[in-house]
Protein backbone atom coordinates (compact mmCIF):
# COMPACT_ATOMS: atom_id res chain seq x y z
CA MET A 1 0.00 0.00 0.00
CA GLY A 2 1.13 3.47 -0.73
CA ARG A 3 0.93 6.45 1.54
CA GLY A 4 -2.52 7.63 2.49
CA MET A 5 -4.25 4.50 1.21
CA ARG A 6 -5.25 3.16 4.59
CA GLY A 7 -8.97 3.93 4.59
CA GLY A 8 -8.59 7.57 5.38
CA MET A 9 -6.46 7.11 8.45
CA GLY A 10 -4.00 9.93 8.92
CA ARG A 11 -5.30 12.14 6.14
CA GLY A 12 -5.43 15.61 7.58
CA ARG A 13 -6.58 16.27 11.14
CA GLY A 14 -3.25 15.18 12.55
CA GLY A 15 -3.64 11.40 12.29
CA ARG A 16 -0.04 11.25 11.09
CA ARG A 17 0.81 14.08 13.46
CA GLY A 18 1.50 16.39 10.56
CA MET A 19 -1.77 18.23 11.34
CA GLY A 20 -2.74 18.12 7.69
CA ARG A 21 0.09 20.28 6.39
CA GLY A 22 2.06 19.04 3.43
CA MET A 23 -0.50 16.49 2.33
CA GLY A 24 0.15 17.35 -1.28
CA GLN A 25 3.79 16.34 -0.92
CA GLY A 26 4.99 19.19 -3.08
CA ARG A 27 2.32 18.89 -5.76
CA GLY A 28 0.50 22.08 -4.81
CA MET A 29 -2.30 20.21 -3.07
CA GLY A 30 -1.74 21.45 0.48
CA THR A 31 -4.00 23.79 2.43
CA GLY A 32 -2.06 26.88 1.43
CA ALA A 33 -2.51 28.38 4.88
CA GLY A 34 0.56 30.59 4.94
CA PHE A 35 2.88 28.10 3.34
CA GLY A 36 3.64 29.88 0.10
CA ALA A 37 0.48 28.92 -1.78
CA ALA A 38 -1.71 31.89 -2.62
CA PRO A 39 -5.47 31.33 -2.81
CA VAL A 40 -6.79 31.07 -6.33
CA PRO A 41 -9.15 33.99 -7.03
CA MET A 42 -12.68 32.93 -7.89
CA PRO A 43 -14.09 34.29 -11.14
CA GLN A 44 -16.60 37.01 -10.40
CA GLN A 45 -19.71 37.90 -12.30
CA PRO A 46 -20.03 41.39 -13.66
CA ALA A 47 -21.49 43.72 -11.01
CA GLN A 48 -24.53 44.69 -13.06
CA SER A 49 -25.53 42.03 -15.56
CA PRO A 50 -28.96 42.30 -17.20
CA ALA A 51 -30.23 39.52 -14.94
CA GLY A 52 -28.72 41.37 -11.98
CA HIS A 53 -30.81 44.45 -12.76
CA GLU A 54 -33.98 42.36 -12.76
CA GLU A 55 -33.05 40.70 -9.50
CA LEU A 56 -32.19 44.05 -7.93
CA ALA A 57 -35.53 45.51 -8.98
CA MET A 58 -37.35 42.47 -7.61
CA LEU A 59 -35.51 42.65 -4.29
CA LYS A 60 -36.26 46.37 -3.94
CA GLN A 61 -39.94 45.69 -4.63
CA GLN A 62 -39.99 42.90 -2.02
CA ALA A 63 -38.26 45.15 0.53
CA GLU A 64 -40.80 47.92 -0.04
CA GLY A 65 -43.66 45.45 0.36
CA MET A 66 -42.16 44.19 3.61
CA SER A 67 -41.70 47.74 4.87
CA GLN A 68 -45.34 48.49 4.15
CA GLN A 69 -46.42 45.33 5.97
CA MET A 70 -44.28 46.30 8.96
CA ARG A 71 -45.87 49.76 9.09
CA GLN A 72 -49.32 48.18 9.03
CA ILE A 73 -48.40 45.67 11.72
CA HIS A 74 -46.95 48.36 14.00
CA GLY A 75 -50.03 50.52 13.48
CA ARG A 76 -52.28 47.59 14.35
CA ILE A 77 -50.24 46.89 17.49
CA ARG A 78 -50.54 50.53 18.59
CA ARG A 79 -54.30 50.49 18.00
CA LEU A 80 -54.77 47.21 19.86
CA GLU A 81 -52.71 48.36 22.81
CA GLY A 82 -54.84 51.47 23.24
CA ALA A 83 -58.23 50.21 22.11
CA GLY A 84 -61.08 47.94 23.06
CA GLN A 85 -62.73 47.35 26.43
CA GLY A 86 -63.87 50.96 26.54
CA GLY A 87 -60.62 52.42 25.19
CA VAL A 88 -60.05 54.24 21.90
CA THR A 89 -62.73 53.17 19.44
CA ALA A 90 -64.20 54.27 16.15
CA THR A 91 -66.89 56.95 16.25
CA VAL A 92 -69.67 57.60 13.75
CA ASP A 93 -70.84 61.02 12.58
CA PRO A 94 -74.58 60.40 12.12
CA GLU A 95 -74.84 63.45 9.84
CA LYS A 96 -72.48 61.84 7.30
CA CYS A 97 -73.56 58.20 7.66
CA THR A 98 -75.87 56.96 4.90
CA GLY A 99 -76.37 53.50 6.40
CA CYS A 100 -74.69 51.73 3.46
CA GLY A 101 -73.45 48.96 5.78
CA LEU A 102 -69.93 48.65 4.34
CA CYS A 103 -68.46 49.22 7.79
CA VAL A 104 -70.62 46.40 9.19
CA GLU A 105 -69.30 44.02 6.52
CA VAL A 106 -65.60 44.83 7.03
CA CYS A 107 -65.48 44.93 10.84
CA PRO A 108 -63.39 41.89 11.83
CA VAL A 109 -64.85 41.76 15.36
CA GLU A 110 -68.48 42.55 14.45
CA ALA A 111 -68.45 45.67 16.62
CA ILE A 112 -70.61 47.72 14.22
CA GLY A 113 -74.28 47.41 13.52
CA LEU A 114 -76.98 49.55 11.93
CA GLU A 115 -79.48 51.27 14.20
CA ASP A 116 -82.17 53.36 12.49
CA GLU A 117 -80.10 53.21 9.26
CA VAL A 118 -77.04 54.72 10.96
CA ALA A 119 -73.87 52.82 11.90
CA ALA A 120 -73.38 52.27 15.62
CA VAL A 121 -70.12 51.12 17.22
CA ASP A 122 -70.03 48.90 20.31
CA PRO A 123 -67.12 50.44 22.28
CA GLN A 124 -66.64 47.24 24.30
CA ALA A 125 -66.11 45.15 21.17
CA CYS A 126 -64.26 47.66 18.95
CA THR A 127 -60.50 47.11 18.76
CA GLY A 128 -59.84 50.36 16.89
CA CYS A 129 -58.34 48.51 13.91
CA GLY A 130 -59.56 51.14 11.46
CA ALA A 131 -60.98 48.78 8.84
CA CYS A 132 -64.29 50.67 8.96
CA VAL A 133 -62.54 54.04 8.73
CA GLU A 134 -60.73 52.96 5.57
CA GLU A 135 -63.88 51.53 3.96
CA CYS A 136 -66.41 54.29 4.69
CA PRO A 137 -67.10 56.14 1.41
CA ASN A 138 -68.55 59.17 3.27
CA ASP A 139 -65.81 59.63 5.89
CA ALA A 140 -68.50 59.19 8.51
CA ILE A 141 -66.32 56.99 10.75
CA SER A 142 -63.16 58.17 12.45
CA ARG A 143 -60.84 57.25 15.28
CA PRO A 144 -60.63 59.74 18.14
CA THR A 145 -57.22 61.33 18.60
């Protein structure tokens, strides 16, 4: 048997007490860690290839979408922390409300109902999420400041 043909025993990791250095026995196959062998530079792609521009645009679009989601999530957290159980809730201006019922349909906690064809908010159920505010075509619903 020749050197190094013993089922992996002694190859690197110091099995032959050489700690892996010089395994190439002068053929340029060593680790190159400070022993005269310079690392071979890897070929690099051009910085801005046509495919790179598309990928960059896609990543920017994804980042903007994530930023928008984060703003919405933080807004929802702020509203939930200060709303519900008699806290900050949506209010209805009966002069502007036409009783269309869109707010009733979009309320995720069913805190809005129609009374005498005017939207009415249950302050104990309302979480202040603002879904009704966004949906109202007459700006009849608002969140108190």
